[in-house]
Structures are given as C-alpha cells and as structure tokens.
C-alpha cells in the first residue's frame, strides 16, 4: 500500500503561513519574514508530503522526528531546519497516515 500522508490544519494562522507564506499572527508574521526559516519550513512540508508513512521520518535524521512525552504526550514533532530552535508539532492519526499540524514551538530555546 502506498499512501500519501494527508495533512490537515486546525490553526488558520499556521495554515496561512505554510500555504501562503504570510499570516496575521504576531509570531508567524515575524517568521514569515525570515527567509531561512521559510525555506526550511517548506522543505519540511515537502518531506511530510513525500513520505507514505510516519515511520519513514525516523530515517531522516535531520528532522529529529520524535513522539513527545509528558505534558505533550500524544503529539509528535520534527525540527524545522538543521540549526533551528523551532519544531513543528502535530498529532498523528489513523495509523500514522494523517497529520494534523498543531504548532510551531521554540522547543530548544535560543541556540
């Protein structure tokens, strides 16, 4: 079976940032002006669109894909960019072939 991962959005501002490169949200508007961040975000989204199952993300070491723990249990995340402090958080659904994008977080702090 060769599934494409279905990506849905529950946050209009995040959807606007990802699909249109702009947003009215304060953080996302700031990020939209960062060319490196937007390049990396588009690259991550391209990868998410290209895999047929979530487990393939483990093979892409630069993403640092991980199911999250503790108070973020139920969420997973990937790094946006190799040196970025930002992670794209999402919920996996339907056996790992549907992703609902949740948040861009500053998980790593300033590095």
N, C-alpha and C. Protein backbone atom coordinates (compact mmCIF):
# COMPACT_ATOMS: atom_id res chain seq x y z
N UNK A 1 0.84 -1.19 0.00
CA UNK A 1 0.00 0.00 0.00
C UNK A 1 0.88 1.24 0.00
N UNK A 2 0.61 2.14 -0.91
CA UNK A 2 1.40 3.36 -0.99
C UNK A 2 0.51 4.57 -0.70
N UNK A 3 0.42 4.92 0.56
CA UNK A 3 -0.39 6.06 0.97
C UNK A 3 0.41 7.34 0.88
N UNK A 4 -0.28 8.41 0.64
CA UNK A 4 0.32 9.73 0.83
C UNK A 4 -0.20 10.22 2.17
N UNK A 5 0.62 10.87 2.95
CA UNK A 5 0.15 11.38 4.23
C UNK A 5 -0.77 12.57 3.96
N UNK A 6 -1.92 12.53 4.58
CA UNK A 6 -2.88 13.62 4.47
C UNK A 6 -2.58 14.64 5.56
N UNK A 7 -2.41 15.89 5.19
CA UNK A 7 -2.09 16.93 6.16
C UNK A 7 -3.29 17.87 6.27
N UNK A 8 -3.82 17.95 7.49
CA UNK A 8 -4.92 18.88 7.75
C UNK A 8 -4.45 19.92 8.76
N UNK A 9 -5.14 21.03 8.81
CA UNK A 9 -4.75 22.14 9.68
C UNK A 9 -5.90 22.47 10.62
N UNK A 10 -5.60 22.66 11.89
CA UNK A 10 -6.64 23.13 12.81
C UNK A 10 -6.36 24.55 13.26
N UNK A 11 -5.35 25.19 12.66
CA UNK A 11 -4.97 26.54 13.01
C UNK A 11 -4.86 27.34 11.72
N UNK A 12 -5.80 28.25 11.50
CA UNK A 12 -5.85 29.03 10.26
C UNK A 12 -4.58 29.85 10.05
N UNK A 13 -4.05 30.43 11.12
CA UNK A 13 -2.84 31.25 11.00
C UNK A 13 -1.64 30.41 10.56
N UNK A 14 -1.51 29.22 11.14
CA UNK A 14 -0.43 28.33 10.74
C UNK A 14 -0.62 27.86 9.31
N UNK A 15 -1.84 27.55 8.94
CA UNK A 15 -2.14 27.15 7.56
C UNK A 15 -1.76 28.26 6.58
N UNK A 16 -2.09 29.51 6.92
CA UNK A 16 -1.73 30.65 6.06
C UNK A 16 -0.22 30.78 5.93
N UNK A 17 0.50 30.61 7.03
CA UNK A 17 1.96 30.69 7.00
C UNK A 17 2.53 29.62 6.08
N UNK A 18 2.05 28.39 6.23
CA UNK A 18 2.61 27.27 5.46
C UNK A 18 2.20 27.33 3.99
N UNK A 19 0.94 27.60 3.73
CA UNK A 19 0.46 27.55 2.35
C UNK A 19 0.68 28.84 1.57
N UNK A 20 0.67 29.99 2.26
CA UNK A 20 0.77 31.27 1.57
C UNK A 20 1.98 32.11 1.96
N UNK A 21 2.74 31.64 2.96
CA UNK A 21 3.94 32.37 3.38
C UNK A 21 3.63 33.67 4.08
N UNK A 22 2.42 33.80 4.62
CA UNK A 22 2.06 35.01 5.35
C UNK A 22 1.04 34.67 6.42
N UNK A 23 0.92 35.53 7.41
CA UNK A 23 0.00 35.29 8.50
C UNK A 23 -0.22 36.59 9.25
N UNK A 24 -1.36 36.71 9.92
CA UNK A 24 -1.60 37.88 10.75
C UNK A 24 -1.19 37.63 12.20
N UNK A 25 -0.88 36.37 12.55
CA UNK A 25 -0.40 36.03 13.89
C UNK A 25 0.97 36.69 14.10
N UNK A 26 1.20 37.27 15.28
CA UNK A 26 2.43 38.03 15.55
C UNK A 26 3.69 37.18 15.32
N UNK A 27 3.76 35.99 15.93
CA UNK A 27 4.94 35.13 15.77
C UNK A 27 5.09 34.68 14.32
N UNK A 28 4.00 34.21 13.72
CA UNK A 28 4.07 33.69 12.36
C UNK A 28 4.41 34.80 11.36
N UNK A 29 3.94 36.02 11.61
CA UNK A 29 4.28 37.14 10.73
C UNK A 29 5.78 37.40 10.79
N UNK A 30 6.34 37.36 12.01
CA UNK A 30 7.78 37.54 12.19
C UNK A 30 8.55 36.42 11.47
N UNK A 31 8.09 35.17 11.64
CA UNK A 31 8.76 34.04 10.99
C UNK A 31 8.66 34.12 9.47
N UNK A 32 7.54 34.64 8.96
CA UNK A 32 7.34 34.71 7.51
C UNK A 32 8.37 35.62 6.84
N UNK A 33 8.94 36.55 7.60
CA UNK A 33 9.96 37.45 7.05
C UNK A 33 11.37 36.86 7.12
N UNK A 34 11.50 35.70 7.77
CA UNK A 34 12.79 35.04 7.91
C UNK A 34 12.94 34.05 6.74
N UNK A 35 13.72 34.46 5.74
CA UNK A 35 13.85 33.64 4.52
C UNK A 35 14.37 32.23 4.82
N UNK A 36 15.34 32.13 5.70
CA UNK A 36 15.91 30.81 6.05
C UNK A 36 14.84 29.91 6.68
N UNK A 37 14.10 30.49 7.63
CA UNK A 37 13.04 29.72 8.29
C UNK A 37 12.01 29.24 7.27
N UNK A 38 11.57 30.12 6.39
CA UNK A 38 10.54 29.76 5.41
C UNK A 38 11.07 28.70 4.44
N UNK A 39 12.34 28.80 4.05
CA UNK A 39 12.94 27.78 3.19
C UNK A 39 12.91 26.43 3.92
N UNK A 40 13.34 26.44 5.19
CA UNK A 40 13.37 25.19 5.97
C UNK A 40 11.96 24.65 6.21
N UNK A 41 11.00 25.53 6.49
CA UNK A 41 9.62 25.09 6.70
C UNK A 41 9.06 24.45 5.43
N UNK A 42 9.31 25.07 4.29
CA UNK A 42 8.84 24.49 3.02
C UNK A 42 9.49 23.14 2.74
N UNK A 43 10.77 23.02 3.10
CA UNK A 43 11.47 21.76 2.92
C UNK A 43 10.85 20.66 3.79
N UNK A 44 10.58 20.99 5.06
CA UNK A 44 9.94 20.03 5.97
C UNK A 44 8.57 19.62 5.45
N UNK A 45 7.79 20.60 4.99
CA UNK A 45 6.45 20.28 4.48
C UNK A 45 6.56 19.39 3.24
N UNK A 46 7.54 19.63 2.39
CA UNK A 46 7.76 18.78 1.22
C UNK A 46 8.07 17.35 1.63
N UNK A 47 8.90 17.21 2.67
CA UNK A 47 9.23 15.87 3.17
C UNK A 47 7.98 15.21 3.73
N UNK A 48 7.19 15.95 4.53
CA UNK A 48 5.98 15.37 5.11
C UNK A 48 5.01 14.92 4.02
N UNK A 49 4.96 15.70 2.94
CA UNK A 49 4.08 15.32 1.82
C UNK A 49 4.62 14.12 1.04
N UNK A 50 5.93 13.87 1.12
CA UNK A 50 6.53 12.83 0.28
C UNK A 50 6.57 11.45 0.93
N UNK A 51 6.47 11.38 2.26
CA UNK A 51 6.54 10.07 2.91
C UNK A 51 5.19 9.37 2.84
N UNK A 52 5.23 8.05 2.84
CA UNK A 52 3.98 7.30 2.77
C UNK A 52 3.53 6.82 4.15
N UNK A 53 4.45 6.85 5.11
CA UNK A 53 4.07 6.53 6.49
C UNK A 53 5.01 7.23 7.46
N UNK A 54 4.47 7.51 8.63
CA UNK A 54 5.20 8.27 9.64
C UNK A 54 6.55 7.65 9.97
N UNK A 55 6.63 6.32 10.02
CA UNK A 55 7.88 5.66 10.42
C UNK A 55 9.05 6.04 9.52
N UNK A 56 8.77 6.47 8.28
CA UNK A 56 9.85 6.90 7.37
C UNK A 56 10.57 8.15 7.90
N UNK A 57 9.93 8.91 8.77
CA UNK A 57 10.55 10.12 9.30
C UNK A 57 11.74 9.79 10.20
N UNK A 58 11.73 8.61 10.83
CA UNK A 58 12.87 8.19 11.67
C UNK A 58 14.15 8.11 10.85
N UNK A 59 14.04 7.76 9.56
CA UNK A 59 15.22 7.60 8.71
C UNK A 59 15.85 8.94 8.32
N UNK A 60 15.11 10.01 8.46
CA UNK A 60 15.59 11.34 8.08
C UNK A 60 16.11 12.03 9.34
N UNK A 61 17.36 11.74 9.68
CA UNK A 61 17.93 12.16 10.95
C UNK A 61 17.86 13.67 11.19
N UNK A 62 17.98 14.47 10.13
CA UNK A 62 17.99 15.92 10.30
C UNK A 62 16.66 16.45 10.83
N UNK A 63 15.58 15.68 10.67
CA UNK A 63 14.28 16.12 11.17
C UNK A 63 14.15 15.97 12.69
N UNK A 64 14.94 15.06 13.26
CA UNK A 64 14.83 14.75 14.69
C UNK A 64 13.37 14.46 15.06
N UNK A 65 12.73 13.63 14.24
CA UNK A 65 11.34 13.24 14.49
C UNK A 65 11.24 12.54 15.83
N UNK A 66 10.24 12.93 16.62
CA UNK A 66 10.03 12.23 17.89
C UNK A 66 8.59 12.35 18.35
N UNK A 67 8.04 11.23 18.83
CA UNK A 67 6.78 11.30 19.58
C UNK A 67 7.12 11.97 20.92
N UNK A 68 6.33 12.93 21.33
CA UNK A 68 6.65 13.70 22.53
C UNK A 68 6.11 13.00 23.78
N UNK A 69 6.63 13.41 24.93
CA UNK A 69 6.31 12.76 26.21
C UNK A 69 5.76 13.76 27.20
N UNK A 70 5.39 13.24 28.35
CA UNK A 70 4.95 14.01 29.50
C UNK A 70 3.75 14.88 29.16
N UNK A 71 3.83 16.21 29.39
CA UNK A 71 2.65 17.05 29.15
C UNK A 71 2.33 17.22 27.67
N UNK A 72 3.22 16.78 26.78
CA UNK A 72 2.97 16.85 25.34
C UNK A 72 2.70 15.46 24.76
N UNK A 73 2.44 14.50 25.61
CA UNK A 73 2.13 13.15 25.16
C UNK A 73 0.95 13.18 24.20
N UNK A 74 1.05 12.43 23.11
CA UNK A 74 0.01 12.45 22.08
C UNK A 74 0.40 13.29 20.89
N UNK A 75 1.40 14.15 21.07
CA UNK A 75 1.93 14.97 19.98
C UNK A 75 3.24 14.37 19.49
N UNK A 76 3.60 14.68 18.25
CA UNK A 76 4.90 14.36 17.70
C UNK A 76 5.48 15.66 17.14
N UNK A 77 6.77 15.65 16.85
CA UNK A 77 7.35 16.86 16.29
C UNK A 77 8.55 16.54 15.40
N UNK A 78 8.84 17.49 14.53
CA UNK A 78 10.04 17.45 13.69
C UNK A 78 10.70 18.82 13.77
N UNK A 79 12.00 18.85 13.63
CA UNK A 79 12.74 20.11 13.64
C UNK A 79 12.56 20.81 12.31
N UNK A 80 12.41 22.13 12.38
CA UNK A 80 12.33 22.94 11.16
C UNK A 80 13.71 23.53 10.95
N UNK A 81 14.48 22.92 10.06
CA UNK A 81 15.83 23.41 9.78
C UNK A 81 16.86 22.77 10.68
N UNK A 82 18.06 22.64 10.19
CA UNK A 82 19.11 21.91 10.88
C UNK A 82 19.56 22.60 12.16
N UNK A 83 19.64 23.94 12.15
CA UNK A 83 20.11 24.67 13.32
C UNK A 83 18.98 25.43 14.01
N UNK A 84 17.76 25.20 13.61
CA UNK A 84 16.63 25.96 14.11
C UNK A 84 16.22 25.55 15.51
N UNK A 85 15.72 26.52 16.27
CA UNK A 85 15.15 26.23 17.58
C UNK A 85 13.68 25.85 17.45
N UNK A 86 13.13 25.94 16.25
CA UNK A 86 11.70 25.70 16.05
C UNK A 86 11.40 24.25 15.68
N UNK A 87 10.27 23.77 16.20
CA UNK A 87 9.78 22.44 15.87
C UNK A 87 8.34 22.57 15.41
N UNK A 88 7.97 21.74 14.46
CA UNK A 88 6.60 21.66 14.00
C UNK A 88 5.95 20.52 14.77
N UNK A 89 4.94 20.84 15.57
CA UNK A 89 4.26 19.82 16.37
C UNK A 89 2.98 19.41 15.68
N UNK A 90 2.65 18.12 15.79
CA UNK A 90 1.44 17.62 15.15
C UNK A 90 0.91 16.40 15.87
N UNK A 91 -0.32 16.03 15.52
CA UNK A 91 -0.95 14.83 16.05
C UNK A 91 -1.01 13.81 14.92
N UNK A 92 -0.56 12.61 15.20
CA UNK A 92 -0.66 11.52 14.22
C UNK A 92 -2.02 10.87 14.36
N UNK A 93 -2.63 10.55 13.23
CA UNK A 93 -3.95 9.93 13.25
C UNK A 93 -4.01 8.77 12.28
N UNK A 94 -4.99 7.93 12.45
CA UNK A 94 -5.27 6.83 11.53
C UNK A 94 -4.02 6.03 11.17
N UNK A 95 -3.40 5.48 12.17
CA UNK A 95 -2.25 4.61 11.93
C UNK A 95 -1.07 5.31 11.31
N UNK A 96 -0.95 6.61 11.51
CA UNK A 96 0.23 7.34 11.07
C UNK A 96 0.19 7.85 9.65
N UNK A 97 -0.98 7.89 9.01
CA UNK A 97 -1.00 8.41 7.65
C UNK A 97 -1.75 9.73 7.53
N UNK A 98 -2.16 10.28 8.65
CA UNK A 98 -2.80 11.59 8.63
C UNK A 98 -2.17 12.46 9.70
N UNK A 99 -1.77 13.64 9.33
CA UNK A 99 -1.11 14.53 10.26
C UNK A 99 -1.95 15.78 10.41
N UNK A 100 -2.16 16.19 11.64
CA UNK A 100 -2.84 17.44 11.90
C UNK A 100 -1.80 18.37 12.51
N UNK A 101 -1.47 19.44 11.82
CA UNK A 101 -0.45 20.36 12.30
C UNK A 101 -0.99 21.17 13.46
N UNK A 102 -0.21 21.28 14.48
CA UNK A 102 -0.67 21.92 15.70
C UNK A 102 0.03 23.25 15.95
N UNK A 103 1.33 23.28 15.90
CA UNK A 103 2.02 24.43 16.46
C UNK A 103 3.47 24.48 15.98
N UNK A 104 3.99 25.66 15.93
CA UNK A 104 5.44 25.83 15.78
C UNK A 104 5.92 26.30 17.14
N UNK A 105 6.76 25.52 17.77
CA UNK A 105 7.20 25.87 19.12
C UNK A 105 8.70 26.16 19.13
N UNK A 106 9.11 26.92 20.12
CA UNK A 106 10.53 27.22 20.33
C UNK A 106 11.07 26.24 21.36
N UNK A 107 10.95 24.96 21.03
CA UNK A 107 11.26 23.86 21.94
C UNK A 107 12.69 23.93 22.47
N UNK A 108 13.62 24.36 21.67
CA UNK A 108 15.03 24.29 22.05
C UNK A 108 15.56 25.56 22.68
N UNK A 109 14.78 26.62 22.72
CA UNK A 109 15.30 27.88 23.22
C UNK A 109 16.30 28.45 22.22
N UNK A 110 16.95 29.53 22.53
CA UNK A 110 17.91 30.14 21.61
C UNK A 110 19.22 29.38 21.66
N UNK A 111 19.64 28.89 20.50
CA UNK A 111 20.93 28.20 20.41
C UNK A 111 21.86 29.01 19.55
